[in-house]
């Protein structure tokens, strides 16, 4: 599955060990339109915590940890 509709991924092309994920502003809106039917939605809003959990599962054996900065997420 692809998360291109909801996030942008950045990595260190010189071999760093960190991947940065920038959630697109539409993720925080009620009318997000994603082609990915696997994204968990409640009332049209993507469940960000479930999406992050799925990244942890997808990266099993590779991803050591996921750190979020939820305090920087937009609120109503």
C-alpha atoms as a PDB file:
ATOM      1  CA  UNK A   1       0.000   0.000   0.000  1.00  0.00           C
ATOM      2  CA  UNK A   2       1.128   3.547  -0.650  1.00  0.00           C
ATOM      3  CA  UNK A   3       0.938   6.481   1.709  1.00  0.00           C
ATOM      4  CA  UNK A   4       1.708   9.141  -0.913  1.00  0.00           C
ATOM      5  CA  UNK A   5      -1.709  10.747  -0.447  1.00  0.00           C
ATOM      6  CA  UNK A   6      -1.165  11.382   3.251  1.00  0.00           C
ATOM      7  CA  UNK A   7       2.572  11.675   3.877  1.00  0.00           C
ATOM      8  CA  UNK A   8       5.949  12.550   2.436  1.00  0.00           C
ATOM      9  CA  UNK A   9       8.979  10.479   3.373  1.00  0.00           C
ATOM     10  CA  UNK A  10      12.517  11.821   3.616  1.00  0.00           C
ATOM     11  CA  UNK A  11      15.782   9.971   4.173  1.00  0.00           C
ATOM     12  CA  UNK A  12      19.480  10.756   4.353  1.00  0.00           C
ATOM     13  CA  UNK A  13      20.791   9.919   0.906  1.00  0.00           C
ATOM     14  CA  UNK A  14      24.293   9.695   2.377  1.00  0.00           C
ATOM     15  CA  UNK A  15      23.416   6.690   4.518  1.00  0.00           C
ATOM     16  CA  UNK A  16      21.814   7.989   7.686  1.00  0.00           C
ATOM     17  CA  UNK A  17      19.645   5.742   9.809  1.00  0.00           C
ATOM     18  CA  UNK A  18      16.682   8.095  10.232  1.00  0.00           C
ATOM     19  CA  UNK A  19      13.583   8.435   8.063  1.00  0.00           C
ATOM     20  CA  UNK A  20      11.411  11.506   8.522  1.00  0.00           C
ATOM     21  CA  UNK A  21       7.704  11.404   7.730  1.00  0.00           C
ATOM     22  CA  UNK A  22       5.830  14.654   7.142  1.00  0.00           C
ATOM     23  CA  UNK A  23       2.057  14.274   7.339  1.00  0.00           C
ATOM     24  CA  UNK A  24       0.269  16.328   4.721  1.00  0.00           C
ATOM     25  CA  UNK A  25      -2.208  18.918   6.058  1.00  0.00           C
ATOM     26  CA  UNK A  26      -5.122  17.041   4.473  1.00  0.00           C
ATOM     27  CA  UNK A  27      -4.612  14.251   7.033  1.00  0.00           C
ATOM     28  CA  UNK A  28      -6.000  16.577   9.695  1.00  0.00           C
ATOM     29  CA  UNK A  29      -9.077  17.557   7.674  1.00  0.00           C
ATOM     30  CA  UNK A  30     -12.453  15.828   7.746  1.00  0.00           C
ATOM     31  CA  UNK A  31     -12.618  15.309   4.004  1.00  0.00           C
ATOM     32  CA  UNK A  32      -9.296  13.641   3.293  1.00  0.00           C
ATOM     33  CA  UNK A  33      -9.376  11.707   0.051  1.00  0.00           C
ATOM     34  CA  UNK A  34      -6.994   8.799  -0.096  1.00  0.00           C
ATOM     35  CA  UNK A  35      -6.770   6.074  -2.696  1.00  0.00           C
ATOM     36  CA  UNK A  36      -5.580   3.697   0.027  1.00  0.00           C
ATOM     37  CA  UNK A  37      -8.611   1.807   1.296  1.00  0.00           C
ATOM     38  CA  UNK A  38      -6.559   0.299   4.154  1.00  0.00           C
ATOM     39  CA  UNK A  39      -6.234   3.599   6.008  1.00  0.00           C
ATOM     40  CA  UNK A  40      -8.389   3.543   9.116  1.00  0.00           C
ATOM     41  CA  UNK A  41     -10.908   6.375   9.041  1.00  0.00           C
ATOM     42  CA  UNK A  42     -13.364   7.646  11.606  1.00  0.00           C
ATOM     43  CA  UNK A  43     -15.897  10.214  10.389  1.00  0.00           C
ATOM     44  CA  UNK A  44     -13.766  10.760   7.286  1.00  0.00           C
ATOM     45  CA  UNK A  45     -10.635  11.529   9.324  1.00  0.00           C
ATOM     46  CA  UNK A  46      -7.643   9.225   9.091  1.00  0.00           C
ATOM     47  CA  UNK A  47      -6.747   7.595  12.400  1.00  0.00           C
ATOM     48  CA  UNK A  48      -3.150   8.804  12.630  1.00  0.00           C
ATOM     49  CA  UNK A  49      -2.240   6.522  15.525  1.00  0.00           C
ATOM     50  CA  UNK A  50      -3.434   3.464  13.586  1.00  0.00           C
ATOM     51  CA  UNK A  51      -1.467   4.595  10.543  1.00  0.00           C
ATOM     52  CA  UNK A  52       1.694   4.905  12.655  1.00  0.00           C
ATOM     53  CA  UNK A  53       1.084   1.434  14.119  1.00  0.00           C
ATOM     54  CA  UNK A  54       0.848   0.050  10.589  1.00  0.00           C
ATOM     55  CA  UNK A  55       4.231   1.600   9.754  1.00  0.00           C
ATOM     56  CA  UNK A  56       5.698  -0.152  12.799  1.00  0.00           C
ATOM     57  CA  UNK A  57       4.272  -3.465  11.554  1.00  0.00           C
ATOM     58  CA  UNK A  58       5.500  -2.874   8.003  1.00  0.00           C
ATOM     59  CA  UNK A  59       8.974  -2.119   9.335  1.00  0.00           C
ATOM     60  CA  UNK A  60       9.111  -5.122  11.667  1.00  0.00           C
ATOM     61  CA  UNK A  61      12.748  -6.126  12.052  1.00  0.00           C
ATOM     62  CA  UNK A  62      13.945  -2.871  10.480  1.00  0.00           C
ATOM     63  CA  UNK A  63      12.250  -0.061  12.399  1.00  0.00           C
ATOM     64  CA  UNK A  64      13.763   0.347  15.844  1.00  0.00           C
ATOM     65  CA  UNK A  65      11.416   3.050  17.102  1.00  0.00           C
ATOM     66  CA  UNK A  66       8.934   5.676  15.991  1.00  0.00           C
ATOM     67  CA  UNK A  67       8.939   9.071  17.636  1.00  0.00           C
ATOM     68  CA  UNK A  68       6.069  11.478  17.103  1.00  0.00           C
ATOM     69  CA  UNK A  69       5.657  15.128  17.898  1.00  0.00           C
ATOM     70  CA  UNK A  70       1.899  15.127  18.432  1.00  0.00           C
ATOM     71  CA  UNK A  71       2.101  18.452  20.258  1.00  0.00           C
ATOM     72  CA  UNK A  72       2.916  20.009  16.864  1.00  0.00           C
ATOM     73  CA  UNK A  73      -0.146  18.543  15.146  1.00  0.00           C
ATOM     74  CA  UNK A  74      -2.828  21.086  14.296  1.00  0.00           C
ATOM     75  CA  UNK A  75      -5.898  21.130  16.499  1.00  0.00           C
ATOM     76  CA  UNK A  76      -9.419  22.361  15.842  1.00  0.00           C
END
